[in-house]
PDB file of N, CA and C in Angstrom:
ATOM      1  N   GLU A   1      36.126  31.955  17.027  1.00  0.00           N
ATOM      2  CA  GLU A   1      36.152  32.829  18.216  1.00  0.00           C
ATOM      3  C   GLU A   1      37.545  33.141  18.642  1.00  0.00           C
ATOM      4  N   ALA A   2      38.483  32.246  18.508  1.00  0.00           N
ATOM      5  CA  ALA A   2      39.839  32.438  18.859  1.00  0.00           C
ATOM      6  C   ALA A   2      40.490  33.610  18.099  1.00  0.00           C
ATOM      7  N   GLN A   3      40.135  33.612  16.814  1.00  0.00           N
ATOM      8  CA  GLN A   3      40.698  34.635  15.969  1.00  0.00           C
ATOM      9  C   GLN A   3      40.161  36.049  16.315  1.00  0.00           C
ATOM     10  N   LEU A   4      38.865  36.042  16.746  1.00  0.00           N
ATOM     11  CA  LEU A   4      38.255  37.333  17.182  1.00  0.00           C
ATOM     12  C   LEU A   4      38.852  37.827  18.498  1.00  0.00           C
ATOM     13  N   ALA A   5      39.046  36.878  19.410  1.00  0.00           N
ATOM     14  CA  ALA A   5      39.740  37.257  20.662  1.00  0.00           C
ATOM     15  C   ALA A   5      41.167  37.790  20.435  1.00  0.00           C
ATOM     16  N   LYS A   6      41.846  37.157  19.483  1.00  0.00           N
ATOM     17  CA  LYS A   6      43.172  37.582  19.183  1.00  0.00           C
ATOM     18  C   LYS A   6      43.165  39.040  18.597  1.00  0.00           C
ATOM     19  N   LEU A   7      42.268  39.245  17.674  1.00  0.00           N
ATOM     20  CA  LEU A   7      42.140  40.568  17.098  1.00  0.00           C
ATOM     21  C   LEU A   7      41.754  41.640  18.101  1.00  0.00           C
ATOM     22  N   GLN A   8      40.789  41.336  19.010  1.00  0.00           N
ATOM     23  CA  GLN A   8      40.449  42.205  20.106  1.00  0.00           C
ATOM     24  C   GLN A   8      41.584  42.508  20.969  1.00  0.00           C
ATOM     25  N   GLN A   9      42.409  41.581  21.268  1.00  0.00           N
ATOM     26  CA  GLN A   9      43.606  41.859  22.117  1.00  0.00           C
ATOM     27  C   GLN A   9      44.717  42.706  21.430  1.00  0.00           C
ATOM     28  N   GLU A  10      44.847  42.433  20.073  1.00  0.00           N
ATOM     29  CA  GLU A  10      45.743  43.323  19.338  1.00  0.00           C
ATOM     30  C   GLU A  10      45.291  44.740  19.276  1.00  0.00           C
ATOM     31  N   ILE A  11      44.005  45.015  19.162  1.00  0.00           N
ATOM     32  CA  ILE A  11      43.446  46.330  19.162  1.00  0.00           C
ATOM     33  C   ILE A  11      43.660  46.979  20.522  1.00  0.00           C
ATOM     34  N   LYS A  12      43.407  46.296  21.527  1.00  0.00           N
ATOM     35  CA  LYS A  12      43.569  46.758  22.915  1.00  0.00           C
ATOM     36  C   LYS A  12      45.005  47.061  23.116  1.00  0.00           C
ATOM     37  N   ASP A  13      45.917  46.281  22.777  1.00  0.00           N
ATOM     38  CA  ASP A  13      47.356  46.521  22.976  1.00  0.00           C
ATOM     39  C   ASP A  13      47.847  47.779  22.178  1.00  0.00           C
ATOM     40  N   PHE A  14      47.326  47.917  20.977  1.00  0.00           N
ATOM     41  CA  PHE A  14      47.666  49.015  20.101  1.00  0.00           C
ATOM     42  C   PHE A  14      47.336  50.364  20.799  1.00  0.00           C
ATOM     43  N   TYR A  15      46.144  50.391  21.372  1.00  0.00           N
ATOM     44  CA  TYR A  15      45.605  51.617  21.937  1.00  0.00           C
ATOM     45  C   TYR A  15      46.151  51.912  23.353  1.00  0.00           C
ATOM     46  N   LYS A  16      46.892  51.072  23.945  1.00  0.00           N
ATOM     47  CA  LYS A  16      47.467  51.325  25.339  1.00  0.00           C
ATOM     48  C   LYS A  16      48.325  52.610  25.262  1.00  0.00           C
ATOM     49  N   SER A  17      49.224  52.702  24.264  1.00  0.00           N
ATOM     50  CA  SER A  17      50.045  53.910  24.223  1.00  0.00           C
ATOM     51  C   SER A  17      49.244  55.191  23.817  1.00  0.00           C
ATOM     52  N   VAL A  18      48.230  55.025  23.019  1.00  0.00           N
ATOM     53  CA  VAL A  18      47.449  56.164  22.634  1.00  0.00           C
ATOM     54  C   VAL A  18      46.621  56.762  23.827  1.00  0.00           C
ATOM     55  N   ASP A  19      46.225  55.844  24.699  1.00  0.00           N
ATOM     56  CA  ASP A  19      45.453  56.279  25.846  1.00  0.00           C
ATOM     57  C   ASP A  19      46.219  57.322  26.749  1.00  0.00           C
ATOM     58  N   LYS A  20      47.555  57.253  26.672  1.00  0.00           N
ATOM     59  CA  LYS A  20      48.383  58.079  27.523  1.00  0.00           C
ATOM     60  C   LYS A  20      48.864  59.380  26.752  1.00  0.00           C
ATOM     61  N   THR A  21      48.485  59.509  25.505  1.00  0.00           N
ATOM     62  CA  THR A  21      48.883  60.573  24.673  1.00  0.00           C
ATOM     63  C   THR A  21      47.845  61.800  24.863  1.00  0.00           C
ATOM     64  N   PRO A  22      48.379  62.920  25.311  1.00  0.00           N
ATOM     65  CA  PRO A  22      47.404  64.035  25.424  1.00  0.00           C
ATOM     66  C   PRO A  22      47.048  64.581  24.093  1.00  0.00           C
ATOM     67  N   TYR A  23      45.815  65.033  23.933  1.00  0.00           N
ATOM     68  CA  TYR A  23      45.426  65.724  22.727  1.00  0.00           C
ATOM     69  C   TYR A  23      44.456  66.788  23.060  1.00  0.00           C
ATOM     70  N   TYR A  24      44.226  67.774  22.202  1.00  0.00           N
ATOM     71  CA  TYR A  24      43.319  68.862  22.375  1.00  0.00           C
ATOM     72  C   TYR A  24      42.335  68.885  21.235  1.00  0.00           C
ATOM     73  N   LEU A  25      41.071  68.843  21.625  1.00  0.00           N
ATOM     74  CA  LEU A  25      40.042  68.997  20.621  1.00  0.00           C
ATOM     75  C   LEU A  25      40.022  70.362  20.019  1.00  0.00           C
ATOM     76  N   HIS A  26      40.201  70.445  18.701  1.00  0.00           N
ATOM     77  CA  HIS A  26      40.274  71.772  18.094  1.00  0.00           C
ATOM     78  C   HIS A  26      39.137  72.016  17.096  1.00  0.00           C
ATOM     79  N   SER A  27      38.375  70.971  16.683  1.00  0.00           N
ATOM     80  CA  SER A  27      37.285  71.213  15.779  1.00  0.00           C
ATOM     81  C   SER A  27      36.326  70.060  15.771  1.00  0.00           C
ATOM     82  N   ILE A  28      35.076  70.328  15.493  1.00  0.00           N
ATOM     83  CA  ILE A  28      33.975  69.346  15.402  1.00  0.00           C
ATOM     84  C   ILE A  28      33.161  69.695  14.162  1.00  0.00           C
ATOM     85  N   MET A  29      32.871  68.779  13.324  1.00  0.00           N
ATOM     86  CA  MET A  29      32.066  68.897  12.223  1.00  0.00           C
ATOM     87  C   MET A  29      30.682  68.288  12.578  1.00  0.00           C
ATOM     88  N   ILE A  30      29.628  69.031  12.349  1.00  0.00           N
ATOM     89  CA  ILE A  30      28.336  68.595  12.723  1.00  0.00           C
ATOM     90  C   ILE A  30      27.427  68.387  11.508  1.00  0.00           C
ATOM     91  N   HIS A  31      26.673  67.303  11.458  1.00  0.00           N
ATOM     92  CA  HIS A  31      25.707  67.127  10.436  1.00  0.00           C
ATOM     93  C   HIS A  31      24.407  67.225  11.090  1.00  0.00           C
ATOM     94  N   ASP A  32      23.533  68.159  10.776  1.00  0.00           N
ATOM     95  CA  ASP A  32      22.199  68.380  11.333  1.00  0.00           C
ATOM     96  C   ASP A  32      21.217  67.947  10.285  1.00  0.00           C
ATOM     97  N   GLY A  33      20.526  66.869  10.443  1.00  0.00           N
ATOM     98  CA  GLY A  33      19.560  66.313   9.504  1.00  0.00           C
ATOM     99  C   GLY A  33      19.413  64.875   9.619  1.00  0.00           C
ATOM    100  N   ASN A  34      19.096  64.269   8.491  1.00  0.00           N
ATOM    101  CA  ASN A  34      18.863  62.820   8.509  1.00  0.00           C
ATOM    102  C   ASN A  34      19.661  62.250   7.345  1.00  0.00           C
ATOM    103  N   HIS A  35      19.447  60.996   7.047  1.00  0.00           N
ATOM    104  CA  HIS A  35      20.228  60.344   6.048  1.00  0.00           C
ATOM    105  C   HIS A  35      19.908  60.839   4.662  1.00  0.00           C
ATOM    106  N   GLU A  36      18.765  61.440   4.463  1.00  0.00           N
ATOM    107  CA  GLU A  36      18.403  61.949   3.081  1.00  0.00           C
ATOM    108  C   GLU A  36      18.776  63.324   2.779  1.00  0.00           C
ATOM    109  N   SER A  37      18.838  64.155   3.888  1.00  0.00           N
ATOM    110  CA  SER A  37      19.161  65.520   3.663  1.00  0.00           C
ATOM    111  C   SER A  37      19.640  66.134   5.025  1.00  0.00           C
ATOM    112  N   GLY A  38      20.236  67.281   4.904  1.00  0.00           N
ATOM    113  CA  GLY A  38      20.706  67.933   6.168  1.00  0.00           C
ATOM    114  C   GLY A  38      21.759  69.074   5.820  1.00  0.00           C
ATOM    115  N   HIS A  39      22.441  69.436   6.788  1.00  0.00           N
ATOM    116  CA  HIS A  39      23.289  70.556   6.693  1.00  0.00           C
ATOM    117  C   HIS A  39      24.511  70.348   7.598  1.00  0.00           C
ATOM    118  N   PHE A  40      25.756  70.680   7.022  1.00  0.00           N
ATOM    119  CA  PHE A  40      26.950  70.597   7.810  1.00  0.00           C
ATOM    120  C   PHE A  40      27.361  72.032   8.308  1.00  0.00           C
ATOM    121  N   TYR A  41      27.985  72.042   9.502  1.00  0.00           N
ATOM    122  CA  TYR A  41      28.622  73.232   9.956  1.00  0.00           C
ATOM    123  C   TYR A  41      29.717  72.729  10.952  1.00  0.00           C
ATOM    124  N   THR A  42      30.582  73.644  11.295  1.00  0.00           N
ATOM    125  CA  THR A  42      31.859  73.284  12.060  1.00  0.00           C
ATOM    126  C   THR A  42      32.027  74.304  13.253  1.00  0.00           C
ATOM    127  N   PHE A  43      32.570  73.722  14.316  1.00  0.00           N
ATOM    128  CA  PHE A  43      33.117  74.499  15.392  1.00  0.00           C
ATOM    129  C   PHE A  43      34.627  74.328  15.365  1.00  0.00           C
ATOM    130  N   ILE A  44      35.303  75.497  15.514  1.00  0.00           N
ATOM    131  CA  ILE A  44      36.796  75.429  15.620  1.00  0.00           C
ATOM    132  C   ILE A  44      37.244  76.298  16.854  1.00  0.00           C
ATOM    133  N   LYS A  45      38.123  75.686  17.597  1.00  0.00           N
ATOM    134  CA  LYS A  45      38.686  76.471  18.715  1.00  0.00           C
ATOM    135  C   LYS A  45      39.821  77.284  18.341  1.00  0.00           C
ATOM    136  N   ASP A  46      39.772  78.556  18.823  1.00  0.00           N
ATOM    137  CA  ASP A  46      40.912  79.452  18.691  1.00  0.00           C
ATOM    138  C   ASP A  46      41.700  79.353  20.058  1.00  0.00           C
ATOM    139  N   PHE A  47      42.767  78.681  20.029  1.00  0.00           N
ATOM    140  CA  PHE A  47      43.545  78.406  21.240  1.00  0.00           C
ATOM    141  C   PHE A  47      44.115  79.680  21.797  1.00  0.00           C
ATOM    142  N   SER A  48      44.564  80.615  20.914  1.00  0.00           N
ATOM    143  CA  SER A  48      45.235  81.821  21.386  1.00  0.00           C
ATOM    144  C   SER A  48      44.241  82.710  22.123  1.00  0.00           C
ATOM    145  N   LYS A  49      42.923  82.590  21.823  1.00  0.00           N
ATOM    146  CA  LYS A  49      41.921  83.510  22.505  1.00  0.00           C
ATOM    147  C   LYS A  49      41.101  82.646  23.404  1.00  0.00           C
ATOM    148  N   GLY A  50      41.145  81.301  23.357  1.00  0.00           N
ATOM    149  CA  GLY A  50      40.424  80.428  24.218  1.00  0.00           C
ATOM    150  C   GLY A  50      38.929  80.491  23.963  1.00  0.00           C
ATOM    151  N   ILE A  51      38.572  80.619  22.676  1.00  0.00           N
ATOM    152  CA  ILE A  51      37.143  80.620  22.300  1.00  0.00           C
ATOM    153  C   ILE A  51      36.934  79.613  21.112  1.00  0.00           C
ATOM    154  N   TYR A  52      35.621  79.327  20.977  1.00  0.00           N
ATOM    155  CA  TYR A  52      35.251  78.515  19.870  1.00  0.00           C
ATOM    156  C   TYR A  52      34.503  79.472  18.904  1.00  0.00           C
ATOM    157  N   ARG A  53      34.577  79.114  17.558  1.00  0.00           N
ATOM    158  CA  ARG A  53      33.848  79.836  16.591  1.00  0.00           C
ATOM    159  C   ARG A  53      32.912  78.812  15.859  1.00  0.00           C
ATOM    160  N   ARG A  54      31.746  79.224  15.553  1.00  0.00           N
ATOM    161  CA  ARG A  54      30.851  78.382  14.685  1.00  0.00           C
ATOM    162  C   ARG A  54      30.919  78.879  13.333  1.00  0.00           C
ATOM    163  N   TYR A  55      31.288  78.056  12.383  1.00  0.00           N
ATOM    164  CA  TYR A  55      31.350  78.374  10.980  1.00  0.00           C
ATOM    165  C   TYR A  55      30.154  77.729  10.275  1.00  0.00           C
ATOM    166  N   ASN A  56      29.169  78.500   9.790  1.00  0.00           N
ATOM    167  CA  ASN A  56      27.944  78.025   9.282  1.00  0.00           C
ATOM    168  C   ASN A  56      27.666  78.797   7.976  1.00  0.00           C
ATOM    169  N   ASP A  57      27.985  78.148   6.806  1.00  0.00           N
ATOM    170  CA  ASP A  57      27.928  78.851   5.486  1.00  0.00           C
ATOM    171  C   ASP A  57      28.828  80.079   5.638  1.00  0.00           C
ATOM    172  N   ILE A  58      28.208  81.232   5.360  1.00  0.00           N
ATOM    173  CA  ILE A  58      28.979  82.511   5.339  1.00  0.00           C
ATOM    174  C   ILE A  58      28.917  83.081   6.741  1.00  0.00           C
ATOM    175  N   GLY A  59      28.200  82.583   7.732  1.00  0.00           N
ATOM    176  CA  GLY A  59      28.147  83.143   9.113  1.00  0.00           C
ATOM    177  C   GLY A  59      29.212  82.577  10.006  1.00  0.00           C
ATOM    178  N   VAL A  60      29.796  83.421  10.693  1.00  0.00           N
ATOM    179  CA  VAL A  60      30.793  83.035  11.729  1.00  0.00           C
ATOM    180  C   VAL A  60      30.506  83.712  13.035  1.00  0.00           C
ATOM    181  N   SER A  61      30.320  82.931  14.092  1.00  0.00           N
ATOM    182  CA  SER A  61      29.959  83.552  15.408  1.00  0.00           C
ATOM    183  C   SER A  61      30.810  82.873  16.464  1.00  0.00           C
ATOM    184  N   GLU A  62      30.991  83.661  17.521  1.00  0.00           N
ATOM    185  CA  GLU A  62      31.707  83.049  18.762  1.00  0.00           C
ATOM    186  C   GLU A  62      30.674  82.332  19.605  1.00  0.00           C
ATOM    187  N   VAL A  63      31.037  81.174  20.153  1.00  0.00           N
ATOM    188  CA  VAL A  63      30.161  80.431  21.041  1.00  0.00           C
ATOM    189  C   VAL A  63      30.918  79.844  22.174  1.00  0.00           C
ATOM    190  N   ASP A  64      30.237  79.671  23.279  1.00  0.00           N
ATOM    191  CA  ASP A  64      30.943  79.115  24.478  1.00  0.00           C
ATOM    192  C   ASP A  64      31.038  77.498  24.354  1.00  0.00           C
ATOM    193  N   GLU A  65      31.882  77.035  25.098  1.00  0.00           N
ATOM    194  CA  GLU A  65      32.128  75.485  25.070  1.00  0.00           C
ATOM    195  C   GLU A  65      30.877  74.748  25.426  1.00  0.00           C
ATOM    196  N   GLU A  66      30.035  75.240  26.238  1.00  0.00           N
ATOM    197  CA  GLU A  66      28.796  74.555  26.587  1.00  0.00           C
ATOM    198  C   GLU A  66      27.959  74.345  25.353  1.00  0.00           C
ATOM    199  N   ARG A  67      27.849  75.367  24.508  1.00  0.00           N
ATOM    200  CA  ARG A  67      27.024  75.266  23.321  1.00  0.00           C
ATOM    201  C   ARG A  67      27.629  74.243  22.379  1.00  0.00           C
ATOM    202  N   VAL A  68      29.026  74.292  22.260  1.00  0.00           N
ATOM    203  CA  VAL A  68      29.753  73.271  21.412  1.00  0.00           C
ATOM    204  C   VAL A  68      29.355  71.898  21.770  1.00  0.00           C
ATOM    205  N   LEU A  69      29.520  71.589  23.097  1.00  0.00           N
ATOM    206  CA  LEU A  69      29.172  70.254  23.614  1.00  0.00           C
ATOM    207  C   LEU A  69      27.767  69.855  23.392  1.00  0.00           C
ATOM    208  N   LEU A  70      26.843  70.828  23.588  1.00  0.00           N
ATOM    209  CA  LEU A  70      25.453  70.592  23.448  1.00  0.00           C
ATOM    210  C   LEU A  70      25.105  70.175  21.988  1.00  0.00           C
ATOM    211  N   GLU A  71      25.565  71.026  21.061  1.00  0.00           N
ATOM    212  CA  GLU A  71      25.306  70.747  19.699  1.00  0.00           C
ATOM    213  C   GLU A  71      25.982  69.619  19.043  1.00  0.00           C
ATOM    214  N   SER A  72      27.089  69.222  19.626  1.00  0.00           N
ATOM    215  CA  SER A  72      27.888  68.115  19.073  1.00  0.00           C
ATOM    216  C   SER A  72      27.091  66.810  19.261  1.00  0.00           C
ATOM    217  N   LYS A  73      26.048  66.740  19.993  1.00  0.00           N
ATOM    218  CA  LYS A  73      25.232  65.604  20.231  1.00  0.00           C
ATOM    219  C   LYS A  73      24.119  65.497  19.157  1.00  0.00           C
ATOM    220  N   GLY A  74      23.872  66.564  18.430  1.00  0.00           N
ATOM    221  CA  GLY A  74      22.966  66.550  17.367  1.00  0.00           C
ATOM    222  C   GLY A  74      21.448  66.861  17.862  1.00  0.00           C
ATOM    223  N   GLY A  75      20.517  66.814  16.937  1.00  0.00           N
ATOM    224  CA  GLY A  75      19.071  66.957  17.292  1.00  0.00           C
ATOM    225  C   GLY A  75      18.665  68.391  17.259  1.00  0.00           C
ATOM    226  N   PHE A  76      19.212  69.299  16.535  1.00  0.00           N
ATOM    227  CA  PHE A  76      18.849  70.701  16.474  1.00  0.00           C
ATOM    228  C   PHE A  76      18.254  71.138  15.137  1.00  0.00           C
ATOM    229  N   GLY A  77      17.617  70.162  14.445  1.00  0.00           N
ATOM    230  CA  GLY A  77      17.043  70.569  13.155  1.00  0.00           C
ATOM    231  C   GLY A  77      16.115  69.479  12.724  1.00  0.00           C
ATOM    232  N   THR A  78      16.301  68.932  11.665  1.00  0.00           N
ATOM    233  CA  THR A  78      15.428  67.871  11.118  1.00  0.00           C
ATOM    234  C   THR A  78      15.568  66.706  11.933  1.00  0.00           C
ATOM    235  N   ILE A  79      14.559  66.401  12.791  1.00  0.00           N
ATOM    236  CA  ILE A  79      14.523  65.272  13.584  1.00  0.00           C
ATOM    237  C   ILE A  79      13.429  64.249  13.161  1.00  0.00           C
ATOM    238  N   ASN A  80      13.902  63.112  12.737  1.00  0.00           N
ATOM    239  CA  ASN A  80      12.919  62.133  12.188  1.00  0.00           C
ATOM    240  C   ASN A  80      13.366  60.764  12.615  1.00  0.00           C
ATOM    241  N   ALA A  81      12.436  60.058  13.210  1.00  0.00           N
ATOM    242  CA  ALA A  81      12.751  58.787  13.705  1.00  0.00           C
ATOM    243  C   ALA A  81      12.704  57.692  12.645  1.00  0.00           C
ATOM    244  N   TYR A  82      12.249  58.084  11.485  1.00  0.00           N
ATOM    245  CA  TYR A  82      12.113  57.065  10.383  1.00  0.00           C
ATOM    246  C   TYR A  82      13.136  57.148   9.290  1.00  0.00           C
TER     247      TYR A  82
END
């Protein structure tokens, strides 16, 4: 247990400086499906225009941030509890 506590403290100390580092989310890769099959697609933000684009196979479309956040949680295709 002492070794685990030491490692947890080292991890916490390591991330102290990272918590103060600003970053900007620029892309999200989504897997829509289950562990046996599915489909990947990506959202990428164009910072110069302030928009996100959805890259899905050969289709590219503009989407708003609300849609990006909604789809990033999954559940828009093959939903299987088993």
